[in-house]
């Protein structure tokens, strides 16, 4: 059985590509990653960062 932590949340295609290109393929991979590091990725915007943060918080996790 897969968990919500085993996939990325539903964010825009540019943000998803940016995460995949940086090696982040699951929500679990993003736990503890500094928000500023993700914000520097081409295609990653404030809306996607907010969705990621809220998705992590649902699992008692957060960005670094």
Protein backbone atom coordinates (compact mmCIF):
# COMPACT_ATOMS: atom_id res chain seq x y z
CA UNK A 1 0.00 0.00 0.00
CA UNK A 2 1.43 3.36 -0.99
CA UNK A 3 1.29 6.36 1.28
CA UNK A 4 0.80 10.03 0.41
CA UNK A 5 4.47 10.35 1.40
CA UNK A 6 5.45 8.11 -1.55
CA UNK A 7 4.36 10.66 -4.19
CA UNK A 8 4.66 14.38 -4.73
CA UNK A 9 1.59 16.50 -3.96
CA UNK A 10 -0.46 17.86 -6.87
CA UNK A 11 1.48 20.96 -7.90
CA UNK A 12 2.03 22.48 -11.32
CA UNK A 13 4.04 20.70 -14.00
CA UNK A 14 6.98 23.18 -13.91
CA UNK A 15 7.33 22.74 -10.13
CA UNK A 16 7.05 18.95 -10.42
CA UNK A 17 9.75 18.91 -13.12
CA UNK A 18 11.97 21.14 -10.98
CA UNK A 19 11.68 18.75 -8.04
CA UNK A 20 12.27 15.66 -10.18
CA UNK A 21 15.30 17.25 -11.84
CA UNK A 22 16.73 18.03 -8.40
CA UNK A 23 16.21 14.40 -7.32
CA UNK A 24 13.07 14.85 -5.21
CA UNK A 25 10.50 12.28 -6.28
CA UNK A 26 8.39 11.83 -3.14
CA UNK A 27 6.95 14.05 -0.45
CA UNK A 28 9.10 12.16 2.04
CA UNK A 29 12.22 13.37 0.15
CA UNK A 30 11.25 16.98 0.89
CA UNK A 31 11.02 16.68 4.68
CA UNK A 32 13.71 18.87 6.22
CA UNK A 33 14.84 20.43 2.94
CA UNK A 34 15.30 24.20 3.44
CA UNK A 35 12.42 26.17 1.90
CA UNK A 36 14.96 28.63 0.41
CA UNK A 37 16.70 25.75 -1.40
CA UNK A 38 13.44 24.69 -3.04
CA UNK A 39 12.53 28.30 -3.85
CA UNK A 40 15.73 28.61 -5.91
CA UNK A 41 14.64 25.81 -8.26
CA UNK A 42 13.52 27.08 -11.67
CA UNK A 43 9.77 26.55 -11.88
CA UNK A 44 9.14 26.47 -8.13
CA UNK A 45 6.81 29.25 -7.00
CA UNK A 46 5.19 30.33 -3.74
CA UNK A 47 1.96 28.46 -4.48
CA UNK A 48 3.77 25.13 -4.96
CA UNK A 49 5.87 25.75 -1.84
CA UNK A 50 2.70 26.35 0.17
CA UNK A 51 1.12 23.13 -1.11
CA UNK A 52 4.28 21.18 -0.24
CA UNK A 53 4.41 22.71 3.25
CA UNK A 54 0.74 21.92 3.95
CA UNK A 55 1.17 18.36 2.62
CA UNK A 56 4.16 17.79 4.89
CA UNK A 57 2.33 19.23 7.91
CA UNK A 58 -0.46 16.67 7.41
CA UNK A 59 2.19 14.07 8.31
CA UNK A 60 3.78 16.09 11.14
CA UNK A 61 6.73 16.93 8.89
CA UNK A 62 8.01 20.27 7.62
CA UNK A 63 10.51 21.95 5.39
CA UNK A 64 13.86 22.86 6.93
